[in-house]
Amino acid sequence: MDINAFHSTLQQSRLFNPASNQLSVDEYTKLFNDEVTFAFDRHAPLTTKTKRVDCHDNRWLSADARDAKRLCRRLERRFRRTLSDIDKQPFVVARKKAFDLVQQSRSEFLRRRVDDANDNPKKLWQTTRSLLHTDENRNVWSDSECRQLSTDFCKFFSDKLARIQTAIAEALLTVNPILFPDRTRSACCPLASLQPSNIAEVKKIIDSMPAKSSPLDVVPTSILKSCADIFAPLISTMANISFKEGKFPVTFKTAQVLPLIKKAGLDRSQLANY
């Protein structure tokens, strides 16, 4: 993507129009998403490519095994065409040799993979799972089961937050104000206002953020970091409008959560105790 052309398109958009600062936070967020999406569609349009997926991955075959398989196929086609005993015998011999070389290549490939991961227990475990094809035995959930599982996860996390909130509240009741004067004083002074954000502060946060992205992000983190100079003013304006209204943008209240269960054999009935 041409970064300079992308910058120019955004600078000429309605986001840099002073009138956009008078919008509500939800209106400004929608305008931000629309203009950024338009810029991406113009300079980095989404393309669709078809990739052939083979049933078998033969990259681990040795050169001798590949040559033996080619010879075997050629002799097989000749035998199927003539059906003569003269052509059958070379085909049988070539088939046996190709089979032996393929098995030898497979054994050497598996041995190399295990040896390469021998010094790293985590990588060795992942390699073992991959070689044993354990991921192919995953349970297939129906729509109703997925809906129930999602509800159980939401309830688990909300109940956990409630327990943490209750535990903190009970712990604060037992705090001795003499031992922790700063904590007691801060509890008596609620936050009444927020200082406006500035471009330098937002740019510093963008530069220090990890290079991770969510499928729901309008701007990939890599583009956000490389174009921090143009996105920092927009994000700063969005934050200041949000502070002024005391409202968080509705668009950013949606997240994609992928819970990872680290205990094998866990079902929904055990989820509450996990």
C-alpha atoms as a PDB file:
ATOM      1  CA  MET A   1       0.000   0.000   0.000  1.00  0.00           C
ATOM      2  CA  ASP A   2       1.175   3.510  -0.819  1.00  0.00           C
ATOM      3  CA  ILE A   3       1.385   5.095   2.643  1.00  0.00           C
ATOM      4  CA  ASN A   4       1.722   8.648   1.315  1.00  0.00           C
ATOM      5  CA  ALA A   5      -1.413   8.288  -0.827  1.00  0.00           C
ATOM      6  CA  PHE A   6      -3.220   6.745   2.154  1.00  0.00           C
ATOM      7  CA  HIS A   7      -2.204   9.766   4.297  1.00  0.00           C
ATOM      8  CA  SER A   8      -3.400  12.161   1.621  1.00  0.00           C
ATOM      9  CA  THR A   9      -6.809  10.481   1.365  1.00  0.00           C
ATOM     10  CA  LEU A  10      -7.356  10.648   5.117  1.00  0.00           C
ATOM     11  CA  GLN A  11      -6.215  14.275   5.345  1.00  0.00           C
ATOM     12  CA  GLN A  12      -8.722  15.231   2.666  1.00  0.00           C
ATOM     13  CA  SER A  13     -11.545  13.365   4.413  1.00  0.00           C
ATOM     14  CA  ARG A  14     -14.249  14.826   6.633  1.00  0.00           C
ATOM     15  CA  LEU A  15     -12.321  13.713   9.713  1.00  0.00           C
ATOM     16  CA  PHE A  16     -10.050  16.754   9.440  1.00  0.00           C
ATOM     17  CA  ASN A  17     -12.965  19.112   8.892  1.00  0.00           C
ATOM     18  CA  PRO A  18     -13.383  21.340  12.000  1.00  0.00           C
ATOM     19  CA  ALA A  19     -17.133  20.721  11.831  1.00  0.00           C
ATOM     20  CA  SER A  20     -16.569  17.052  12.719  1.00  0.00           C
ATOM     21  CA  ASN A  21     -15.516  18.101  16.240  1.00  0.00           C
ATOM     22  CA  GLN A  22     -19.135  19.103  16.887  1.00  0.00           C
ATOM     23  CA  LEU A  23     -20.414  15.578  16.322  1.00  0.00           C
ATOM     24  CA  SER A  24     -21.367  13.224  19.138  1.00  0.00           C
ATOM     25  CA  VAL A  25     -18.893  10.508  20.047  1.00  0.00           C
ATOM     26  CA  ASP A  26     -20.952   7.807  18.312  1.00  0.00           C
ATOM     27  CA  GLU A  27     -21.334   9.933  15.177  1.00  0.00           C
ATOM     28  CA  TYR A  28     -17.613  10.720  15.129  1.00  0.00           C
ATOM     29  CA  THR A  29     -16.726   7.057  15.630  1.00  0.00           C
ATOM     30  CA  LYS A  30     -18.971   6.045  12.728  1.00  0.00           C
ATOM     31  CA  LEU A  31     -17.418   8.757  10.571  1.00  0.00           C
ATOM     32  CA  PHE A  32     -13.943   7.506  11.546  1.00  0.00           C
ATOM     33  CA  ASN A  33     -14.792   3.912  10.594  1.00  0.00           C
ATOM     34  CA  ASP A  34     -16.401   4.954   7.298  1.00  0.00           C
ATOM     35  CA  GLU A  35     -13.559   7.226   6.165  1.00  0.00           C
ATOM     36  CA  VAL A  36     -10.810   4.799   7.160  1.00  0.00           C
ATOM     37  CA  THR A  37     -12.610   1.933   5.430  1.00  0.00           C
ATOM     38  CA  PHE A  38     -12.990   4.074   2.293  1.00  0.00           C
ATOM     39  CA  ALA A  39      -9.247   4.851   2.343  1.00  0.00           C
ATOM     40  CA  PHE A  40      -8.374   1.177   2.713  1.00  0.00           C
ATOM     41  CA  ASP A  41     -10.757   0.177  -0.097  1.00  0.00           C
ATOM     42  CA  ARG A  42      -9.130   2.750  -2.340  1.00  0.00           C
ATOM     43  CA  HIS A  43      -5.465   2.028  -1.664  1.00  0.00           C
ATOM     44  CA  ALA A  44      -5.516  -1.557  -0.367  1.00  0.00           C
ATOM     45  CA  PRO A  45      -8.666  -3.221  -1.750  1.00  0.00           C
ATOM     46  CA  LEU A  46      -9.578  -6.643  -0.467  1.00  0.00           C
ATOM     47  CA  THR A  47      -8.758  -9.362  -2.972  1.00  0.00           C
ATOM     48  CA  THR A  48      -9.833 -12.983  -3.057  1.00  0.00           C
ATOM     49  CA  LYS A  49      -7.479 -15.750  -4.113  1.00  0.00           C
ATOM     50  CA  THR A  50      -8.110 -19.440  -4.581  1.00  0.00           C
ATOM     51  CA  LYS A  51      -5.543 -21.728  -3.033  1.00  0.00           C
ATOM     52  CA  ARG A  52      -5.409 -25.384  -3.884  1.00  0.00           C
ATOM     53  CA  VAL A  53      -5.492 -27.605  -0.818  1.00  0.00           C
ATOM     54  CA  ASP A  54      -4.015 -31.033  -1.403  1.00  0.00           C
ATOM     55  CA  CYS A  55      -5.185 -34.050   0.526  1.00  0.00           C
ATOM     56  CA  HIS A  56      -1.605 -35.013   1.370  1.00  0.00           C
ATOM     57  CA  ASP A  57       1.418 -32.910   2.169  1.00  0.00           C
ATOM     58  CA  ASN A  58       4.348 -34.517   0.330  1.00  0.00           C
ATOM     59  CA  ARG A  59       6.973 -31.882   1.013  1.00  0.00           C
ATOM     60  CA  TRP A  60       8.775 -34.276   3.328  1.00  0.00           C
ATOM     61  CA  LEU A  61       9.441 -36.810   0.537  1.00  0.00           C
ATOM     62  CA  SER A  62      13.067 -37.298  -0.455  1.00  0.00           C
ATOM     63  CA  ALA A  63      14.247 -36.897  -4.042  1.00  0.00           C
ATOM     64  CA  ASP A  64      14.663 -40.653  -4.410  1.00  0.00           C
ATOM     65  CA  ALA A  65      11.124 -41.274  -3.161  1.00  0.00           C
ATOM     66  CA  ARG A  66       9.700 -38.729  -5.618  1.00  0.00           C
ATOM     67  CA  ASP A  67      11.562 -40.312  -8.533  1.00  0.00           C
ATOM     68  CA  ALA A  68      10.421 -43.773  -7.448  1.00  0.00           C
ATOM     69  CA  LYS A  69       6.780 -42.632  -7.308  1.00  0.00           C
ATOM     70  CA  ARG A  70       6.996 -41.104 -10.794  1.00  0.00           C
ATOM     71  CA  LEU A  71       8.472 -44.298 -12.191  1.00  0.00           C
ATOM     72  CA  CYS A  72       5.817 -46.365 -10.423  1.00  0.00           C
ATOM     73  CA  ARG A  73       2.993 -44.269 -11.893  1.00  0.00           C
ATOM     74  CA  ARG A  74       4.483 -44.478 -15.365  1.00  0.00           C
ATOM     75  CA  LEU A  75       4.808 -48.272 -15.195  1.00  0.00           C
ATOM     76  CA  GLU A  76       1.311 -48.546 -13.718  1.00  0.00           C
ATOM     77  CA  ARG A  77      -0.196 -46.614 -16.629  1.00  0.00           C
ATOM     78  CA  ARG A  78       1.655 -48.868 -19.078  1.00  0.00           C
ATOM     79  CA  PHE A  79       0.452 -52.022 -17.303  1.00  0.00           C
ATOM     80  CA  ARG A  80      -3.173 -50.814 -17.179  1.00  0.00           C
ATOM     81  CA  ARG A  81      -2.998 -50.070 -20.888  1.00  0.00           C
ATOM     82  CA  THR A  82      -1.526 -53.452 -21.976  1.00  0.00           C
ATOM     83  CA  LEU A  83      -2.511 -55.783 -19.074  1.00  0.00           C
ATOM     84  CA  SER A  84       0.472 -57.986 -20.014  1.00  0.00           C
ATOM     85  CA  ASP A  85       2.612 -59.982 -17.613  1.00  0.00           C
ATOM     86  CA  ILE A  86       5.722 -58.445 -19.154  1.00  0.00           C
ATOM     87  CA  ASP A  87       4.643 -54.970 -17.985  1.00  0.00           C
ATOM     88  CA  LYS A  88       3.212 -56.195 -14.679  1.00  0.00           C
ATOM     89  CA  GLN A  89       6.487 -57.447 -13.208  1.00  0.00           C
ATOM     90  CA  PRO A  90       8.387 -54.094 -13.513  1.00  0.00           C
ATOM     91  CA  PHE A  91       5.338 -52.303 -12.068  1.00  0.00           C
ATOM     92  CA  VAL A  92       5.207 -54.593  -9.005  1.00  0.00           C
ATOM     93  CA  VAL A  93       8.940 -54.135  -8.379  1.00  0.00           C
ATOM     94  CA  ALA A  94       8.689 -50.335  -8.770  1.00  0.00           C
ATOM     95  CA  ARG A  95       5.649 -50.190  -6.465  1.00  0.00           C
ATOM     96  CA  LYS A  96       7.518 -52.079  -3.739  1.00  0.00           C
ATOM     97  CA  LYS A  97      10.556 -49.830  -4.053  1.00  0.00           C
ATOM     98  CA  ALA A  98       8.438 -46.648  -3.998  1.00  0.00           C
ATOM     99  CA  PHE A  99       6.578 -47.839  -0.899  1.00  0.00           C
ATOM    100  CA  ASP A 100       9.838 -48.563   0.943  1.00  0.00           C
ATOM    101  CA  LEU A 101      11.338 -45.180   0.030  1.00  0.00           C
ATOM    102  CA  VAL A 102       8.173 -43.333   1.082  1.00  0.00           C
ATOM    103  CA  GLN A 103       8.173 -45.100   4.458  1.00  0.00           C
ATOM    104  CA  GLN A 104      11.857 -44.317   4.892  1.00  0.00           C
ATOM    105  CA  SER A 105      11.266 -40.625   4.051  1.00  0.00           C
ATOM    106  CA  ARG A 106       8.368 -40.436   6.493  1.00  0.00           C
ATOM    107  CA  SER A 107      10.440 -41.967   9.296  1.00  0.00           C
ATOM    108  CA  GLU A 108      13.336 -39.592   8.673  1.00  0.00           C
ATOM    109  CA  PHE A 109      10.968 -36.592   8.556  1.00  0.00           C
ATOM    110  CA  LEU A 110       9.285 -37.492  11.855  1.00  0.00           C
ATOM    111  CA  ARG A 111      12.659 -38.147  13.475  1.00  0.00           C
ATOM    112  CA  ARG A 112      13.938 -34.719  12.386  1.00  0.00           C
ATOM    113  CA  ARG A 113      10.861 -32.946  13.738  1.00  0.00           C
ATOM    114  CA  VAL A 114      11.176 -34.610  17.126  1.00  0.00           C
ATOM    115  CA  ASP A 115      14.923 -33.941  17.280  1.00  0.00           C
ATOM    116  CA  ASP A 116      14.427 -30.262  16.420  1.00  0.00           C
ATOM    117  CA  ALA A 117      11.923 -29.862  19.284  1.00  0.00           C
ATOM    118  CA  ASN A 118      13.835 -31.979  21.772  1.00  0.00           C
ATOM    119  CA  ASP A 119      15.274 -28.955  23.628  1.00  0.00           C
ATOM    120  CA  ASN A 120      11.919 -27.184  23.979  1.00  0.00           C
ATOM    121  CA  PRO A 121       9.253 -29.084  25.995  1.00  0.00           C
ATOM    122  CA  LYS A 122       6.431 -26.862  24.743  1.00  0.00           C
ATOM    123  CA  LYS A 123       7.426 -27.265  21.109  1.00  0.00           C
ATOM    124  CA  LEU A 124       7.953 -30.995  21.649  1.00  0.00           C
ATOM    125  CA  TRP A 125       4.410 -31.324  23.034  1.00  0.00           C
ATOM    126  CA  GLN A 126       2.960 -29.384  20.093  1.00  0.00           C
ATOM    127  CA  THR A 127       4.933 -31.518  17.653  1.00  0.00           C
ATOM    128  CA  THR A 128       3.702 -34.707  19.300  1.00  0.00           C
ATOM    129  CA  ARG A 129       0.082 -33.551  19.115  1.00  0.00           C
ATOM    130  CA  SER A 130       0.554 -32.637  15.464  1.00  0.00           C
ATOM    131  CA  LEU A 131       2.099 -35.991  14.584  1.00  0.00           C
ATOM    132  CA  LEU A 132      -0.614 -37.924  16.414  1.00  0.00           C
ATOM    133  CA  HIS A 133      -3.386 -35.854  14.737  1.00  0.00           C
ATOM    134  CA  THR A 134      -5.086 -35.246  18.080  1.00  0.00           C
ATOM    135  CA  ASP A 135      -6.672 -32.008  16.822  1.00  0.00           C
ATOM    136  CA  GLU A 136      -8.771 -33.987  14.335  1.00  0.00           C
ATOM    137  CA  ASN A 137     -10.744 -35.548  17.195  1.00  0.00           C
ATOM    138  CA  ARG A 138     -12.265 -32.288  18.445  1.00  0.00           C
ATOM    139  CA  ASN A 139     -15.912 -32.313  19.450  1.00  0.00           C
ATOM    140  CA  VAL A 140     -18.342 -30.730  17.007  1.00  0.00           C
ATOM    141  CA  TRP A 141     -20.857 -28.507  18.818  1.00  0.00           C
ATOM    142  CA  SER A 142     -24.346 -27.705  17.608  1.00  0.00           C
ATOM    143  CA  ASP A 143     -25.677 -24.138  17.501  1.00  0.00           C
ATOM    144  CA  SER A 144     -27.647 -24.584  20.727  1.00  0.00           C
ATOM    145  CA  GLU A 145     -24.617 -26.079  22.495  1.00  0.00           C
ATOM    146  CA  CYS A 146     -22.396 -23.221  21.317  1.00  0.00           C
ATOM    147  CA  ARG A 147     -24.993 -20.717  22.522  1.00  0.00           C
ATOM    148  CA  GLN A 148     -25.186 -22.392  25.932  1.00  0.00           C
ATOM    149  CA  LEU A 149     -21.394 -22.636  26.174  1.00  0.00           C
ATOM    150  CA  SER A 150     -21.055 -18.929  25.365  1.00  0.00           C
ATOM    151  CA  THR A 151     -23.648 -18.079  28.017  1.00  0.00           C
ATOM    152  CA  ASP A 152     -21.817 -20.188  30.590  1.00  0.00           C
ATOM    153  CA  PHE A 153     -18.534 -18.455  29.817  1.00  0.00           C
ATOM    154  CA  CYS A 154     -20.143 -15.010  30.146  1.00  0.00           C
ATOM    155  CA  LYS A 155     -21.701 -15.976  33.470  1.00  0.00           C
ATOM    156  CA  PHE A 156     -18.395 -17.385  34.693  1.00  0.00           C
ATOM    157  CA  PHE A 157     -16.495 -14.162  33.967  1.00  0.00           C
ATOM    158  CA  SER A 158     -19.235 -11.854  35.300  1.00  0.00           C
ATOM    159  CA  ASP A 159     -19.488 -13.894  38.515  1.00  0.00           C
ATOM    160  CA  LYS A 160     -15.699 -13.809  38.843  1.00  0.00           C
ATOM    161  CA  LEU A 161     -15.662 -10.013  38.552  1.00  0.00           C
ATOM    162  CA  ALA A 162     -18.439  -9.766  41.128  1.00  0.00           C
ATOM    163  CA  ARG A 163     -16.446 -11.955  43.531  1.00  0.00           C
ATOM    164  CA  ILE A 164     -13.343  -9.819  43.027  1.00  0.00           C
ATOM    165  CA  GLN A 165     -15.335  -6.640  43.628  1.00  0.00           C
ATOM    166  CA  THR A 166     -16.813  -8.057  46.824  1.00  0.00           C
ATOM    167  CA  ALA A 167     -13.401  -9.246  48.035  1.00  0.00           C
ATOM    168  CA  ILE A 168     -11.846  -5.813  47.424  1.00  0.00           C
ATOM    169  CA  ALA A 169     -14.717  -4.069  49.216  1.00  0.00           C
ATOM    170  CA  GLU A 170     -14.388  -6.365  52.219  1.00  0.00           C
ATOM    171  CA  ALA A 171     -10.608  -5.918  52.288  1.00  0.00           C
ATOM    172  CA  LEU A 172     -10.913  -2.117  52.234  1.00  0.00           C
ATOM    173  CA  LEU A 173     -13.168  -2.252  55.303  1.00  0.00           C
ATOM    174  CA  THR A 174     -10.352  -3.840  57.272  1.00  0.00           C
ATOM    175  CA  VAL A 175      -7.680  -1.360  56.112  1.00  0.00           C
ATOM    176  CA  ASN A 176      -6.110   0.596  58.943  1.00  0.00           C
ATOM    177  CA  PRO A 177      -6.096   4.313  57.929  1.00  0.00           C
ATOM    178  CA  ILE A 178      -2.945   4.833  59.996  1.00  0.00           C
ATOM    179  CA  LEU A 179      -0.998   2.219  58.025  1.00  0.00           C
ATOM    180  CA  PHE A 180      -2.435   3.176  54.625  1.00  0.00           C
ATOM    181  CA  PRO A 181      -3.255   6.899  54.753  1.00  0.00           C
ATOM    182  CA  ASP A 182      -2.854   7.461  50.999  1.00  0.00           C
ATOM    183  CA  ARG A 183      -5.290   4.684  50.093  1.00  0.00           C
ATOM    184  CA  THR A 184      -7.924   5.962  52.539  1.00  0.00           C
ATOM    185  CA  ARG A 185      -7.569   9.540  51.360  1.00  0.00           C
ATOM    186  CA  SER A 186      -7.858   8.555  47.676  1.00  0.00           C
ATOM    187  CA  ALA A 187     -11.058   6.648  48.422  1.00  0.00           C
ATOM    188  CA  CYS A 188     -12.597   9.872  49.773  1.00  0.00           C
ATOM    189  CA  CYS A 189     -11.743  11.898  46.666  1.00  0.00           C
ATOM    190  CA  PRO A 190     -13.697  10.568  43.676  1.00  0.00           C
ATOM    191  CA  LEU A 191     -12.552  11.394  40.155  1.00  0.00           C
ATOM    192  CA  ALA A 192     -14.683  14.321  39.015  1.00  0.00           C
ATOM    193  CA  SER A 193     -13.044  15.262  35.713  1.00  0.00           C
ATOM    194  CA  LEU A 194     -10.606  14.039  33.081  1.00  0.00           C
ATOM    195  CA  GLN A 195      -7.808  16.067  31.566  1.00  0.00           C
ATOM    196  CA  PRO A 196      -8.097  16.424  27.776  1.00  0.00           C
ATOM    197  CA  SER A 197      -5.810  14.186  25.797  1.00  0.00           C
ATOM    198  CA  ASN A 198      -3.223  15.605  23.437  1.00  0.00           C
ATOM    199  CA  ILE A 199      -1.647  14.342  20.224  1.00  0.00           C
ATOM    200  CA  ALA A 200       1.783  13.690  21.758  1.00  0.00           C
ATOM    201  CA  GLU A 201       0.256  11.573  24.522  1.00  0.00           C
ATOM    202  CA  VAL A 202      -1.766   9.479  22.065  1.00  0.00           C
ATOM    203  CA  LYS A 203       1.221   9.005  19.753  1.00  0.00           C
ATOM    204  CA  LYS A 204       3.340   7.806  22.673  1.00  0.00           C
ATOM    205  CA  ILE A 205       0.677   5.217  23.557  1.00  0.00           C
ATOM    206  CA  ILE A 206       0.431   4.034  19.940  1.00  0.00           C
ATOM    207  CA  ASP A 207       4.203   3.641  19.655  1.00  0.00           C
ATOM    208  CA  SER A 208       4.389   1.589  22.870  1.00  0.00           C
ATOM    209  CA  MET A 209       1.407  -0.691  22.247  1.00  0.00           C
ATOM    210  CA  PRO A 210       2.037  -4.352  21.303  1.00  0.00           C
ATOM    211  CA  ALA A 211       1.646  -5.398  17.683  1.00  0.00           C
ATOM    212  CA  LYS A 212      -1.583  -7.327  18.200  1.00  0.00           C
ATOM    213  CA  SER A 213      -4.812  -6.943  16.257  1.00  0.00           C
ATOM    214  CA  SER A 214      -8.404  -8.093  16.557  1.00  0.00           C
ATOM    215  CA  PRO A 215     -10.597  -9.105  13.594  1.00  0.00           C
ATOM    216  CA  LEU A 216     -12.967  -6.333  14.721  1.00  0.00           C
ATOM    217  CA  ASP A 217     -10.346  -3.585  14.392  1.00  0.00           C
ATOM    218  CA  VAL A 218     -10.962  -1.165  11.545  1.00  0.00           C
ATOM    219  CA  VAL A 219      -7.248  -0.347  11.430  1.00  0.00           C
ATOM    220  CA  PRO A 220      -4.682  -3.152  11.807  1.00  0.00           C
ATOM    221  CA  THR A 221      -2.170  -2.419  14.558  1.00  0.00           C
ATOM    222  CA  SER A 222       0.727  -2.526  12.101  1.00  0.00           C
ATOM    223  CA  ILE A 223      -0.867   0.264  10.015  1.00  0.00           C
ATOM    224  CA  LEU A 224      -1.836   2.197  13.151  1.00  0.00           C
ATOM    225  CA  LYS A 225       1.765   2.179  14.389  1.00  0.00           C
ATOM    226  CA  SER A 226       3.294   3.026  11.007  1.00  0.00           C
ATOM    227  CA  CYS A 227       0.780   5.875  10.488  1.00  0.00           C
ATOM    228  CA  ALA A 228       0.735   7.148  14.065  1.00  0.00           C
ATOM    229  CA  ASP A 229       1.264  10.758  12.930  1.00  0.00           C
ATOM    230  CA  ILE A 230      -2.067  10.846  11.112  1.00  0.00           C
ATOM    231  CA  PHE A 231      -4.102   8.655  13.473  1.00  0.00           C
ATOM    232  CA  ALA A 232      -2.974  10.317  16.719  1.00  0.00           C
ATOM    233  CA  PRO A 233      -4.949  13.576  16.111  1.00  0.00           C
ATOM    234  CA  LEU A 234      -8.071  11.608  15.181  1.00  0.00           C
ATOM    235  CA  ILE A 235      -7.918   9.355  18.236  1.00  0.00           C
ATOM    236  CA  SER A 236      -7.180  12.340  20.472  1.00  0.00           C
ATOM    237  CA  THR A 237     -10.257  14.140  19.130  1.00  0.00           C
ATOM    238  CA  MET A 238     -12.373  11.025  19.622  1.00  0.00           C
ATOM    239  CA  ALA A 239     -11.171  10.649  23.229  1.00  0.00           C
ATOM    240  CA  ASN A 240     -11.840  14.295  24.060  1.00  0.00           C
ATOM    241  CA  ILE A 241     -15.389  14.108  22.673  1.00  0.00           C
ATOM    242  CA  SER A 242     -15.924  10.966  24.758  1.00  0.00           C
ATOM    243  CA  PHE A 243     -14.613  12.714  27.892  1.00  0.00           C
ATOM    244  CA  LYS A 244     -16.816  15.735  27.231  1.00  0.00           C
ATOM    245  CA  GLU A 245     -19.989  13.660  26.848  1.00  0.00           C
ATOM    246  CA  GLY A 246     -19.061  11.159  29.553  1.00  0.00           C
ATOM    247  CA  LYS A 247     -19.932   8.376  27.142  1.00  0.00           C
ATOM    248  CA  PHE A 248     -17.917   5.512  25.673  1.00  0.00           C
ATOM    249  CA  PRO A 249     -18.470   4.823  21.936  1.00  0.00           C
ATOM    250  CA  VAL A 250     -20.986   2.049  21.394  1.00  0.00           C
ATOM    251  CA  THR A 251     -18.950   0.663  18.481  1.00  0.00           C
ATOM    252  CA  PHE A 252     -16.010  -0.086  20.763  1.00  0.00           C
ATOM    253  CA  LYS A 253     -18.116  -1.989  23.280  1.00  0.00           C
ATOM    254  CA  THR A 254     -18.015  -5.071  21.070  1.00  0.00           C
ATOM    255  CA  ALA A 255     -15.104  -7.480  21.486  1.00  0.00           C
ATOM    256  CA  GLN A 256     -14.141 -10.917  20.282  1.00  0.00           C
ATOM    257  CA  VAL A 257     -13.149 -13.190  23.169  1.00  0.00           C
ATOM    258  CA  LEU A 258     -11.516 -16.559  22.565  1.00  0.00           C
ATOM    259  CA  PRO A 259     -11.363 -18.475  25.878  1.00  0.00           C
ATOM    260  CA  LEU A 260      -8.733 -21.178  25.976  1.00  0.00           C
ATOM    261  CA  ILE A 261      -9.465 -24.147  28.231  1.00  0.00           C
ATOM    262  CA  LYS A 262      -6.193 -25.571  29.509  1.00  0.00           C
ATOM    263  CA  LYS A 263      -7.680 -28.639  31.208  1.00  0.00           C
ATOM    264  CA  ALA A 264      -8.527 -31.647  29.067  1.00  0.00           C
ATOM    265  CA  GLY A 265     -11.903 -33.291  29.395  1.00  0.00           C
ATOM    266  CA  LEU A 266     -13.678 -30.190  30.727  1.00  0.00           C
ATOM    267  CA  ASP A 267     -17.363 -30.024  29.876  1.00  0.00           C
ATOM    268  CA  ARG A 268     -20.055 -27.439  30.533  1.00  0.00           C
ATOM    269  CA  SER A 269     -21.149 -29.054  33.798  1.00  0.00           C
ATOM    270  CA  GLN A 270     -17.648 -28.522  35.185  1.00  0.00           C
ATOM    271  CA  LEU A 271     -17.303 -24.986  33.866  1.00  0.00           C
ATOM    272  CA  ALA A 272     -18.689 -23.338  37.004  1.00  0.00           C
ATOM    273  CA  ASN A 273     -16.019 -24.979  39.133  1.00  0.00           C
ATOM    274  CA  TYR A 274     -13.169 -24.248  36.753  1.00  0.00           C
END
